Amino acid sequence: MNDEQIRQRAYEIWQAEGQPEGKEAEHWQRARDEMEPFYKEGDAEAGSVESSVAIPMPKSDETH
């Protein structure tokens, strides 16, 4: 999760609430809380294969 994604979601929350003044921190925290479950630590982004599936590597057969 990055600040740009949080900023965008916080902006959407602000708009949905009628653009009130003085709630920037609340909107930022709400956006972060909403998005956090969709991300795991590391470089994988939400919705990517890496974020939800471990792809097994084929075993090497070095018997030649």
N, C-alpha and C. Protein backbone atom coordinates (compact mmCIF):
# COMPACT_ATOMS: atom_id res chain seq x y z
N MET A 1 0.87 -1.17 0.00
CA MET A 1 0.00 0.00 0.00
C MET A 1 0.91 1.22 0.00
N ASN A 2 0.54 2.21 -0.80
CA ASN A 2 1.37 3.41 -0.80
C ASN A 2 0.53 4.65 -0.52
N ASP A 3 1.21 5.74 -0.26
CA ASP A 3 0.52 6.98 0.11
C ASP A 3 -0.41 7.49 -0.97
N GLU A 4 -0.05 7.29 -2.23
CA GLU A 4 -0.91 7.76 -3.32
C GLU A 4 -2.26 7.03 -3.31
N GLN A 5 -2.24 5.74 -3.07
CA GLN A 5 -3.48 4.96 -3.01
C GLN A 5 -4.33 5.38 -1.81
N ILE A 6 -3.68 5.61 -0.69
CA ILE A 6 -4.39 6.05 0.51
C ILE A 6 -4.98 7.44 0.27
N ARG A 7 -4.18 8.32 -0.33
CA ARG A 7 -4.64 9.68 -0.62
C ARG A 7 -5.88 9.66 -1.50
N GLN A 8 -5.87 8.82 -2.53
CA GLN A 8 -7.00 8.74 -3.44
C GLN A 8 -8.25 8.28 -2.71
N ARG A 9 -8.10 7.24 -1.87
CA ARG A 9 -9.26 6.73 -1.13
C ARG A 9 -9.76 7.75 -0.11
N ALA A 10 -8.83 8.45 0.57
CA ALA A 10 -9.22 9.48 1.53
C ALA A 10 -10.00 10.59 0.81
N TYR A 11 -9.57 10.95 -0.39
CA TYR A 11 -10.26 11.96 -1.18
C TYR A 11 -11.68 11.49 -1.52
N GLU A 12 -11.84 10.23 -1.88
CA GLU A 12 -13.16 9.69 -2.19
C GLU A 12 -14.08 9.74 -0.96
N ILE A 13 -13.52 9.42 0.20
CA ILE A 13 -14.29 9.48 1.45
C ILE A 13 -14.71 10.92 1.72
N TRP A 14 -13.77 11.85 1.55
CA TRP A 14 -14.05 13.27 1.77
C TRP A 14 -15.18 13.75 0.86
N GLN A 15 -15.12 13.37 -0.42
CA GLN A 15 -16.17 13.76 -1.35
C GLN A 15 -17.52 13.15 -0.95
N ALA A 16 -17.52 11.87 -0.57
CA ALA A 16 -18.76 11.19 -0.21
C ALA A 16 -19.41 11.81 1.02
N GLU A 17 -18.60 12.42 1.89
CA GLU A 17 -19.13 13.05 3.10
C GLU A 17 -19.49 14.52 2.89
N GLY A 18 -19.45 14.98 1.65
CA GLY A 18 -19.84 16.36 1.38
C GLY A 18 -18.71 17.36 1.51
N GLN A 19 -17.47 16.91 1.45
CA GLN A 19 -16.27 17.75 1.50
C GLN A 19 -16.16 18.59 2.76
N PRO A 20 -16.31 17.96 3.93
CA PRO A 20 -16.20 18.73 5.18
C PRO A 20 -14.75 19.15 5.45
N GLU A 21 -14.61 20.27 6.13
CA GLU A 21 -13.28 20.76 6.49
C GLU A 21 -12.86 20.18 7.83
N GLY A 22 -11.54 20.00 7.99
CA GLY A 22 -11.00 19.59 9.28
C GLY A 22 -11.05 18.10 9.59
N LYS A 23 -11.34 17.26 8.61
CA LYS A 23 -11.41 15.82 8.87
C LYS A 23 -10.36 15.05 8.07
N GLU A 24 -9.29 15.73 7.68
CA GLU A 24 -8.27 15.12 6.85
C GLU A 24 -7.66 13.88 7.52
N ALA A 25 -7.31 14.03 8.79
CA ALA A 25 -6.68 12.91 9.51
C ALA A 25 -7.64 11.73 9.64
N GLU A 26 -8.89 12.03 9.91
CA GLU A 26 -9.89 10.97 10.04
C GLU A 26 -10.09 10.23 8.72
N HIS A 27 -10.16 11.00 7.63
CA HIS A 27 -10.35 10.39 6.32
C HIS A 27 -9.12 9.55 5.93
N TRP A 28 -7.95 10.06 6.23
CA TRP A 28 -6.71 9.34 5.92
C TRP A 28 -6.69 8.01 6.68
N GLN A 29 -7.02 8.05 7.96
CA GLN A 29 -7.00 6.83 8.77
C GLN A 29 -8.05 5.83 8.29
N ARG A 30 -9.23 6.33 7.97
CA ARG A 30 -10.28 5.44 7.44
C ARG A 30 -9.83 4.78 6.15
N ALA A 31 -9.23 5.56 5.26
CA ALA A 31 -8.76 5.02 3.99
C ALA A 31 -7.70 3.95 4.24
N ARG A 32 -6.78 4.23 5.13
CA ARG A 32 -5.72 3.27 5.45
C ARG A 32 -6.31 2.00 6.05
N ASP A 33 -7.25 2.15 6.97
CA ASP A 33 -7.88 1.00 7.61
C ASP A 33 -8.64 0.15 6.60
N GLU A 34 -9.31 0.80 5.66
CA GLU A 34 -10.06 0.07 4.63
C GLU A 34 -9.14 -0.72 3.71
N MET A 35 -8.01 -0.15 3.38
CA MET A 35 -7.13 -0.75 2.39
C MET A 35 -6.17 -1.77 2.97
N GLU A 36 -5.83 -1.64 4.22
CA GLU A 36 -4.81 -2.50 4.83
C GLU A 36 -5.10 -3.99 4.70
N PRO A 37 -6.33 -4.46 4.89
CA PRO A 37 -6.56 -5.91 4.77
C PRO A 37 -6.30 -6.46 3.37
N PHE A 38 -6.28 -5.60 2.37
CA PHE A 38 -6.09 -6.06 1.00
C PHE A 38 -4.62 -6.16 0.61
N TYR A 39 -3.76 -5.78 1.48
CA TYR A 39 -2.34 -5.80 1.19
C TYR A 39 -1.61 -6.63 2.23
N LYS A 40 -0.57 -7.29 1.80
CA LYS A 40 0.27 -7.98 2.76
C LYS A 40 1.65 -7.34 2.69
N GLU A 41 2.46 -7.63 3.66
CA GLU A 41 3.81 -7.06 3.65
C GLU A 41 4.56 -7.58 2.45
N GLY A 42 5.43 -6.76 1.90
CA GLY A 42 6.20 -7.16 0.74
C GLY A 42 5.80 -6.36 -0.47
N ASP A 43 6.22 -6.82 -1.62
CA ASP A 43 6.01 -6.08 -2.85
C ASP A 43 4.72 -6.44 -3.58
N ALA A 44 4.04 -7.49 -3.18
CA ALA A 44 2.84 -7.90 -3.89
C ALA A 44 1.72 -6.89 -3.69
N GLU A 45 1.03 -6.58 -4.77
CA GLU A 45 -0.10 -5.67 -4.69
C GLU A 45 -1.39 -6.45 -4.58
N ALA A 46 -2.41 -5.82 -4.04
CA ALA A 46 -3.71 -6.47 -3.91
C ALA A 46 -4.18 -6.90 -5.28
N GLY A 47 -4.70 -8.11 -5.35
CA GLY A 47 -5.21 -8.62 -6.60
C GLY A 47 -4.17 -9.29 -7.47
N SER A 48 -2.92 -9.17 -7.12
CA SER A 48 -1.90 -9.83 -7.91
C SER A 48 -1.79 -11.29 -7.52
N VAL A 49 -1.22 -12.06 -8.40
CA VAL A 49 -1.05 -13.49 -8.11
C VAL A 49 -0.20 -13.67 -6.86
N GLU A 50 0.84 -12.87 -6.73
CA GLU A 50 1.73 -13.00 -5.58
C GLU A 50 1.03 -12.75 -4.26
N SER A 51 -0.02 -11.94 -4.27
CA SER A 51 -0.68 -11.60 -3.02
C SER A 51 -1.60 -12.70 -2.53
N SER A 52 -2.01 -13.62 -3.39
CA SER A 52 -3.00 -14.60 -2.97
C SER A 52 -2.61 -16.05 -3.21
N VAL A 53 -1.62 -16.30 -4.04
CA VAL A 53 -1.30 -17.67 -4.41
C VAL A 53 0.21 -17.87 -4.36
N ALA A 54 0.60 -18.94 -3.74
CA ALA A 54 2.01 -19.32 -3.78
C ALA A 54 2.18 -20.27 -4.96
N ILE A 55 3.04 -19.90 -5.90
CA ILE A 55 3.25 -20.72 -7.08
C ILE A 55 4.42 -21.65 -6.82
N PRO A 56 4.17 -22.96 -6.80
CA PRO A 56 5.28 -23.89 -6.52
C PRO A 56 6.26 -23.92 -7.68
N MET A 57 7.50 -24.02 -7.34
CA MET A 57 8.54 -24.13 -8.36
C MET A 57 8.72 -25.60 -8.70
N PRO A 58 8.91 -25.92 -9.98
CA PRO A 58 9.11 -27.33 -10.34
C PRO A 58 10.40 -27.86 -9.75
N LYS A 59 10.37 -29.12 -9.35
CA LYS A 59 11.57 -29.75 -8.82
C LYS A 59 12.51 -30.04 -9.97
N SER A 60 13.76 -29.76 -9.76
CA SER A 60 14.72 -30.04 -10.82
C SER A 60 15.10 -31.52 -10.73
N ASP A 61 15.17 -32.13 -11.89
CA ASP A 61 15.51 -33.54 -11.97
C ASP A 61 16.91 -33.65 -12.55
N GLU A 62 17.89 -33.64 -11.67
CA GLU A 62 19.28 -33.65 -12.09
C GLU A 62 19.86 -35.05 -12.03
N THR A 63 19.24 -35.97 -12.75
CA THR A 63 19.72 -37.35 -12.73
C THR A 63 20.41 -37.73 -14.04
N HIS A 64 20.86 -36.78 -14.84
CA HIS A 64 21.51 -37.15 -16.08
C HIS A 64 22.98 -37.07 -15.99
